Structures are given as structure tokens and as C-alpha cells.
C-alpha atoms as a PDB file:
ATOM      1  CA  MET A   1    -138.232  95.122  97.041  1.00  0.00           C
ATOM      2  CA  ASN A   2    -134.794  96.382  98.188  1.00  0.00           C
ATOM      3  CA  PRO A   3    -132.203  95.605  95.405  1.00  0.00           C
ATOM      4  CA  LYS A   4    -130.059  93.269  97.852  1.00  0.00           C
ATOM      5  CA  LEU A   5    -132.971  90.911  98.520  1.00  0.00           C
ATOM      6  CA  GLN A   6    -133.834  90.839  94.605  1.00  0.00           C
ATOM      7  CA  ARG A   7    -130.159  89.958  93.840  1.00  0.00           C
ATOM      8  CA  LYS A   8    -130.496  87.063  96.515  1.00  0.00           C
ATOM      9  CA  ILE A   9    -133.896  85.940  95.010  1.00  0.00           C
ATOM     10  CA  GLU A  10    -132.415  85.839  91.584  1.00  0.00           C
ATOM     11  CA  ARG A  11    -129.245  84.002  92.636  1.00  0.00           C
ATOM     12  CA  LEU A  12    -131.519  81.338  94.740  1.00  0.00           C
ATOM     13  CA  GLU A  13    -133.906  80.864  91.657  1.00  0.00           C
ATOM     14  CA  SER A  14    -131.035  80.505  89.245  1.00  0.00           C
ATOM     15  CA  ILE A  15    -129.128  77.877  91.038  1.00  0.00           C
ATOM     16  CA  GLU A  16    -129.247  74.391  89.755  1.00  0.00           C
ATOM     17  CA  ARG A  17    -130.933  72.301  92.523  1.00  0.00           C
ATOM     18  CA  PHE A  18    -131.350  68.621  93.425  1.00  0.00           C
ATOM     19  CA  PRO A  19    -134.791  67.961  92.135  1.00  0.00           C
ATOM     20  CA  ALA A  20    -137.269  67.976  94.816  1.00  0.00           C
ATOM     21  CA  GLU A  21    -139.435  65.417  93.144  1.00  0.00           C
ATOM     22  CA  GLU A  22    -136.292  62.533  93.097  1.00  0.00           C
ATOM     23  CA  LEU A  23    -136.472  62.822  97.174  1.00  0.00           C
ATOM     24  CA  PHE A  24    -139.871  61.232  97.239  1.00  0.00           C
ATOM     25  CA  GLU A  25    -138.331  58.003  96.732  1.00  0.00           C
ATOM     26  CA  PHE A  26    -136.453  58.306  99.925  1.00  0.00           C
ATOM     27  CA  ILE A  27    -138.879  59.441 102.193  1.00  0.00           C
ATOM     28  CA  GLN A  28    -142.655  58.557 102.394  1.00  0.00           C
ATOM     29  CA  LEU A  29    -145.109  61.176 103.273  1.00  0.00           C
ATOM     30  CA  ASN A  30    -148.578  61.133 104.603  1.00  0.00           C
ATOM     31  CA  LYS A  31    -151.413  63.545 104.512  1.00  0.00           C
ATOM     32  CA  GLU A  32    -151.185  63.797 108.355  1.00  0.00           C
ATOM     33  CA  ASP A  33    -147.469  64.540 108.366  1.00  0.00           C
ATOM     34  CA  GLU A  34    -146.108  68.054 109.502  1.00  0.00           C
ATOM     35  CA  LEU A  35    -142.752  68.473 107.667  1.00  0.00           C
ATOM     36  CA  LEU A  36    -139.672  70.892 108.763  1.00  0.00           C
ATOM     37  CA  ASP A  37    -138.146  72.439 105.556  1.00  0.00           C
ATOM     38  CA  LEU A  38    -134.959  73.658 107.166  1.00  0.00           C
ATOM     39  CA  GLY A  39    -133.070  76.363 104.786  1.00  0.00           C
ATOM     40  CA  ALA A  40    -136.078  76.920 103.228  1.00  0.00           C
ATOM     41  CA  GLY A  41    -134.818  79.625 101.131  1.00  0.00           C
ATOM     42  CA  THR A  42    -137.535  80.584  98.143  1.00  0.00           C
ATOM     43  CA  GLY A  43    -139.322  77.379  98.864  1.00  0.00           C
ATOM     44  CA  TYR A  44    -138.432  74.922  96.130  1.00  0.00           C
ATOM     45  CA  ILE A  45    -138.738  71.957  98.889  1.00  0.00           C
ATOM     46  CA  SER A  46    -141.627  73.452 100.430  1.00  0.00           C
ATOM     47  CA  PHE A  47    -143.733  73.956  97.562  1.00  0.00           C
ATOM     48  CA  SER A  48    -142.761  70.361  96.036  1.00  0.00           C
ATOM     49  CA  PHE A  49    -143.835  68.599  99.509  1.00  0.00           C
ATOM     50  CA  ALA A  50    -146.848  70.645 100.595  1.00  0.00           C
ATOM     51  CA  LYS A  51    -149.563  69.284  98.766  1.00  0.00           C
ATOM     52  CA  TYR A  52    -148.610  65.626 100.162  1.00  0.00           C
ATOM     53  CA  VAL A  53    -148.786  66.708 103.809  1.00  0.00           C
ATOM     54  CA  LYS A  54    -150.756  68.246 106.385  1.00  0.00           C
ATOM     55  CA  LYS A  55    -148.361  71.309 106.942  1.00  0.00           C
ATOM     56  CA  VAL A  56    -144.799  72.533 106.129  1.00  0.00           C
ATOM     57  CA  VAL A  57    -142.853  74.737 108.192  1.00  0.00           C
ATOM     58  CA  ALA A  58    -140.433  76.755 106.051  1.00  0.00           C
ATOM     59  CA  PHE A  59    -137.413  77.354 108.213  1.00  0.00           C
ATOM     60  CA  ASP A  60    -134.810  80.013 107.380  1.00  0.00           C
ATOM     61  CA  TYR A  61    -132.682  82.358 109.222  1.00  0.00           C
ATOM     62  CA  ASP A  62    -133.444  85.083 106.558  1.00  0.00           C
ATOM     63  CA  TYR A  63    -136.971  86.938 107.244  1.00  0.00           C
ATOM     64  CA  ASP A  64    -136.824  88.578 104.003  1.00  0.00           C
ATOM     65  CA  ILE A  65    -136.355  85.624 102.183  1.00  0.00           C
ATOM     66  CA  LEU A  66    -139.437  83.683 103.890  1.00  0.00           C
ATOM     67  CA  GLN A  67    -141.608  87.131 103.104  1.00  0.00           C
ATOM     68  CA  TYR A  68    -140.968  86.303  99.344  1.00  0.00           C
ATOM     69  CA  LEU A  69    -141.904  82.689  99.974  1.00  0.00           C
ATOM     70  CA  GLU A  70    -144.989  83.505 101.480  1.00  0.00           C
ATOM     71  CA  VAL A  71    -146.093  85.726  98.696  1.00  0.00           C
ATOM     72  CA  LYS A  72    -145.266  83.008  96.296  1.00  0.00           C
ATOM     73  CA  ALA A  73    -147.274  80.529  98.444  1.00  0.00           C
ATOM     74  CA  LYS A  74    -150.261  82.727  97.934  1.00  0.00           C
ATOM     75  CA  GLU A  75    -149.824  83.316  94.539  1.00  0.00           C
ATOM     76  CA  LYS A  76    -149.852  79.563  93.795  1.00  0.00           C
ATOM     77  CA  GLY A  77    -152.712  79.004  96.009  1.00  0.00           C
ATOM     78  CA  ILE A  78    -150.875  77.039  98.561  1.00  0.00           C
ATOM     79  CA  THR A  79    -152.135  77.495 102.638  1.00  0.00           C
ATOM     80  CA  ASN A  80    -150.536  74.705 104.010  1.00  0.00           C
ATOM     81  CA  ILE A  81    -147.013  76.398 104.245  1.00  0.00           C
ATOM     82  CA  GLU A  82    -146.333  78.371 107.402  1.00  0.00           C
ATOM     83  CA  THR A  83    -142.662  80.228 107.962  1.00  0.00           C
ATOM     84  CA  THR A  84    -140.423  80.551 110.709  1.00  0.00           C
ATOM     85  CA  ALA A  85    -137.596  83.174 110.599  1.00  0.00           C
ATOM     86  CA  ALA A  86    -134.905  82.234 113.369  1.00  0.00           C
ATOM     87  CA  ASN A  87    -131.307  80.816 114.423  1.00  0.00           C
ATOM     88  CA  PHE A  88    -130.857  77.030 113.209  1.00  0.00           C
ATOM     89  CA  LYS A  89    -129.404  76.571 116.448  1.00  0.00           C
ATOM     90  CA  GLU A  90    -132.342  77.901 118.591  1.00  0.00           C
ATOM     91  CA  MET A  91    -135.265  76.882 116.824  1.00  0.00           C
ATOM     92  CA  PRO A  92    -138.559  78.305 118.366  1.00  0.00           C
ATOM     93  CA  LEU A  93    -140.462  75.389 117.857  1.00  0.00           C
ATOM     94  CA  GLU A  94    -142.052  72.482 120.081  1.00  0.00           C
ATOM     95  CA  ASN A  95    -140.510  69.408 121.001  1.00  0.00           C
ATOM     96  CA  ALA A  96    -141.632  66.213 118.969  1.00  0.00           C
ATOM     97  CA  ARG A  97    -143.791  68.474 116.560  1.00  0.00           C
ATOM     98  CA  PHE A  98    -142.660  67.170 113.423  1.00  0.00           C
ATOM     99  CA  GLU A  99    -142.713  63.709 111.537  1.00  0.00           C
ATOM    100  CA  LYS A 100    -140.260  64.467 108.989  1.00  0.00           C
ATOM    101  CA  ALA A 101    -137.483  66.961 108.438  1.00  0.00           C
ATOM    102  CA  VAL A 102    -135.758  68.036 105.265  1.00  0.00           C
ATOM    103  CA  ALA A 103    -132.653  69.959 104.966  1.00  0.00           C
ATOM    104  CA  SER A 104    -131.209  70.469 101.375  1.00  0.00           C
ATOM    105  CA  ILE A 105    -127.973  72.177 101.044  1.00  0.00           C
ATOM    106  CA  SER A 106    -127.877  74.143 104.207  1.00  0.00           C
ATOM    107  CA  LEU A 107    -126.301  72.588 106.998  1.00  0.00           C
ATOM    108  CA  HIS A 108    -122.819  72.782 105.519  1.00  0.00           C
ATOM    109  CA  GLU A 109    -122.876  76.692 106.586  1.00  0.00           C
ATOM    110  CA  VAL A 110    -123.782  75.891 110.337  1.00  0.00           C
ATOM    111  CA  GLN A 111    -120.900  75.678 112.999  1.00  0.00           C
ATOM    112  CA  PRO A 112    -120.787  73.754 115.188  1.00  0.00           C
ATOM    113  CA  LEU A 113    -123.064  71.056 113.428  1.00  0.00           C
ATOM    114  CA  SER A 114    -123.917  69.175 116.505  1.00  0.00           C
ATOM    115  CA  LEU A 115    -126.099  72.035 117.560  1.00  0.00           C
ATOM    116  CA  VAL A 116    -128.445  72.079 114.844  1.00  0.00           C
ATOM    117  CA  LEU A 117    -128.468  68.348 114.536  1.00  0.00           C
ATOM    118  CA  ASP A 118    -129.392  68.321 118.164  1.00  0.00           C
ATOM    119  CA  GLU A 119    -132.138  70.727 117.489  1.00  0.00           C
ATOM    120  CA  ILE A 120    -133.760  68.649 114.411  1.00  0.00           C
ATOM    121  CA  HIS A 121    -133.626  65.625 116.911  1.00  0.00           C
ATOM    122  CA  ARG A 122    -135.379  67.790 119.555  1.00  0.00           C
ATOM    123  CA  VAL A 123    -138.247  68.961 117.247  1.00  0.00           C
ATOM    124  CA  LEU A 124    -138.672  65.531 115.301  1.00  0.00           C
ATOM    125  CA  LYS A 125    -141.199  62.775 116.811  1.00  0.00           C
ATOM    126  CA  ASP A 126    -140.028  59.607 117.930  1.00  0.00           C
ATOM    127  CA  LYS A 127    -139.307  57.394 114.770  1.00  0.00           C
ATOM    128  CA  GLY A 128    -139.498  60.693 112.602  1.00  0.00           C
ATOM    129  CA  ILE A 129    -137.192  60.587 109.397  1.00  0.00           C
ATOM    130  CA  PHE A 130    -134.379  63.385 108.656  1.00  0.00           C
ATOM    131  CA  LEU A 131    -133.626  63.585 105.050  1.00  0.00           C
ATOM    132  CA  CYS A 132    -130.260  65.331 104.382  1.00  0.00           C
ATOM    133  CA  ILE A 133    -129.226  66.475 101.200  1.00  0.00           C
ATOM    134  CA  GLU A 134    -125.645  68.098 100.911  1.00  0.00           C
ATOM    135  CA  LEU A 135    -122.886  68.815  98.576  1.00  0.00           C
ATOM    136  CA  GLU A 136    -119.923  66.472  99.233  1.00  0.00           C
ATOM    137  CA  LYS A 137    -116.675  67.581 100.193  1.00  0.00           C
ATOM    138  CA  THR A 138    -114.003  67.119  97.769  1.00  0.00           C
ATOM    139  CA  GLU A 139    -110.275  67.954  97.271  1.00  0.00           C
ATOM    140  CA  MET A 140    -111.369  70.403  94.958  1.00  0.00           C
ATOM    141  CA  THR A 141    -113.671  72.228  97.154  1.00  0.00           C
ATOM    142  CA  ASN A 142    -112.648  75.856  98.934  1.00  0.00           C
ATOM    143  CA  ALA A 143    -116.230  76.498 100.132  1.00  0.00           C
ATOM    144  CA  PRO A 144    -117.504  75.118 103.368  1.00  0.00           C
ATOM    145  CA  ARG A 145    -118.565  71.668 103.141  1.00  0.00           C
ATOM    146  CA  VAL A 146    -119.129  68.565 105.620  1.00  0.00           C
ATOM    147  CA  SER A 147    -118.144  65.193 104.041  1.00  0.00           C
ATOM    148  CA  SER A 148    -120.767  62.583 103.927  1.00  0.00           C
ATOM    149  CA  LYS A 149    -118.705  60.523 106.706  1.00  0.00           C
ATOM    150  CA  GLU A 150    -118.323  63.452 108.576  1.00  0.00           C
ATOM    151  CA  MET A 151    -122.370  63.958 108.467  1.00  0.00           C
ATOM    152  CA  GLU A 152    -123.178  60.641 109.191  1.00  0.00           C
ATOM    153  CA  GLU A 153    -121.135  60.253 112.209  1.00  0.00           C
ATOM    154  CA  GLU A 154    -122.664  63.909 113.556  1.00  0.00           C
ATOM    155  CA  ILE A 155    -126.037  62.431 112.971  1.00  0.00           C
ATOM    156  CA  VAL A 156    -125.502  59.393 114.861  1.00  0.00           C
ATOM    157  CA  LYS A 157    -124.081  61.218 117.820  1.00  0.00           C
ATOM    158  CA  ALA A 158    -127.202  63.654 117.661  1.00  0.00           C
ATOM    159  CA  GLY A 159    -129.135  60.398 118.617  1.00  0.00           C
ATOM    160  CA  PHE A 160    -130.376  59.363 114.925  1.00  0.00           C
ATOM    161  CA  SER A 161    -130.096  55.971 113.408  1.00  0.00           C
ATOM    162  CA  VAL A 162    -128.668  56.090 109.692  1.00  0.00           C
ATOM    163  CA  ILE A 163    -130.997  54.156 107.443  1.00  0.00           C
ATOM    164  CA  ASP A 164    -129.001  54.917 104.134  1.00  0.00           C
ATOM    165  CA  THR A 165    -126.388  57.108 102.713  1.00  0.00           C
ATOM    166  CA  LEU A 166    -126.800  57.772  99.009  1.00  0.00           C
ATOM    167  CA  HIS A 167    -124.193  59.312  96.531  1.00  0.00           C
ATOM    168  CA  PRO A 168    -126.803  59.705  93.301  1.00  0.00           C
ATOM    169  CA  PRO A 169    -125.439  60.799  90.220  1.00  0.00           C
ATOM    170  CA  THR A 170    -127.441  64.111  90.024  1.00  0.00           C
ATOM    171  CA  GLN A 171    -125.079  66.864  90.659  1.00  0.00           C
ATOM    172  CA  VAL A 172    -125.646  70.571  91.937  1.00  0.00           C
ATOM    173  CA  ALA A 173    -123.831  73.251  90.256  1.00  0.00           C
ATOM    174  CA  ASN A 174    -121.429  70.369  88.895  1.00  0.00           C
ATOM    175  CA  GLN A 175    -120.525  69.167  92.379  1.00  0.00           C
ATOM    176  CA  PRO A 176    -121.381  65.825  93.767  1.00  0.00           C
ATOM    177  CA  VAL A 177    -124.102  65.402  96.399  1.00  0.00           C
ATOM    178  CA  TYR A 178    -125.308  62.922  98.974  1.00  0.00           C
ATOM    179  CA  ILE A 179    -128.435  62.113 100.819  1.00  0.00           C
ATOM    180  CA  ILE A 180    -128.722  60.444 104.348  1.00  0.00           C
ATOM    181  CA  VAL A 181    -131.829  59.050 105.476  1.00  0.00           C
ATOM    182  CA  ALA A 182    -132.144  59.275 109.272  1.00  0.00           C
ATOM    183  CA  GLN A 183    -134.660  57.889 111.817  1.00  0.00           C
ATOM    184  CA  LYS A 184    -134.793  59.392 115.315  1.00  0.00           C
ATOM    185  CA  LYS A 185    -134.555  56.779 117.662  1.00  0.00           C
ATOM    186  CA  GLN A 186    -137.440  55.947 119.994  1.00  0.00           C
ATOM    187  CA  SER A 187    -137.256  57.318 123.444  1.00  0.00           C
ATOM    188  CA  ASN A 188    -136.779  55.075 126.232  1.00  0.00           C
END
């Protein structure tokens, strides 16, 4: 494994994350669901959700990190994770494929945000659920962030109804997070 990839994996595996198990109270999973894990990285969401759904598509722009995820899945005996490496703004995925989509701490890096939200909307089935977990933008933040208010507005513009916005006490890397639960509106 090349040293640059090894460092990235070590960094991703060592960072404090929002506990995937806590997300189960915000999203109801069904054994027939296909779930999109957007910004899958090393797979902590994919692995946690895989046993509850038919298939997880672990999506990331980094092909090498997804190869690592595939090796980990094989080691764990998980066979229902498919990986796709591509640009978030032009996903090579079918229209209306997924019942659920999760983006955990990955959308704040995508500009313009509207393009990726339009893509999430496109690949979700009518009434599909989108779960967005992000770091809250604060006055102390220098890194790229999107406030929960801005994210809500962009999600609504993309054709979703916001079901709930939560600010749990759980922090990631000592930073506040928010969770937005949204549903794709039914087509007419």
C-alpha cells in the first residue's frame, strides 16, 4: 500500500466519528432497502448498516479508499456492499434506485452544494429518506462548513421536505454536529 494512502486510512480510522448506531433512531431500515452511503471513506456507516438492508452502495470520490473498504468487507464476510468511485456532482447511478441515502460529514466539502443535493434527489425513490450528518458552522470554525440553516434551505430547494433537524449532544472532534432527516417529495 502506498504511504500516502496508508496515512489517509490511519487518519480516517483514528478520527472521532458520530456513532453510526445512534443514527438508527433517525432512519428506519428495511431488509429490502438499497442504501447510498455518500462519502463512505473507510466504511464505518456502510458496515454498520449493511446487516439491516439488501445492499449498500459505498460511494466516494477516492478509488483507493474504496479498494481498502472492499478488502475490509471481504475480511468481515460482508457481501452486500458495492463500491462506486466518482464525482458527487455526477453520480453514475440509476434514477430512483435507493430507498435511503446517508451523507456523514462529507457534503461540506462539495461546492456548489446544490449539485450534489440534486443528485441525491435524483437517485432516491419517491418518499426516499435522506439523512445528513454535518459539523455545525460556528464563529470559531475556519474549515469549510455549512450551517444547519443553510443546509436545510438547500435541501428544500433540491425537492425534499425536512422532517426534522436535530442538534444532538454528541460531538465529533470536539465540534457540534447536526442531523437533518429529509424525505424526497413524491413526483406528480
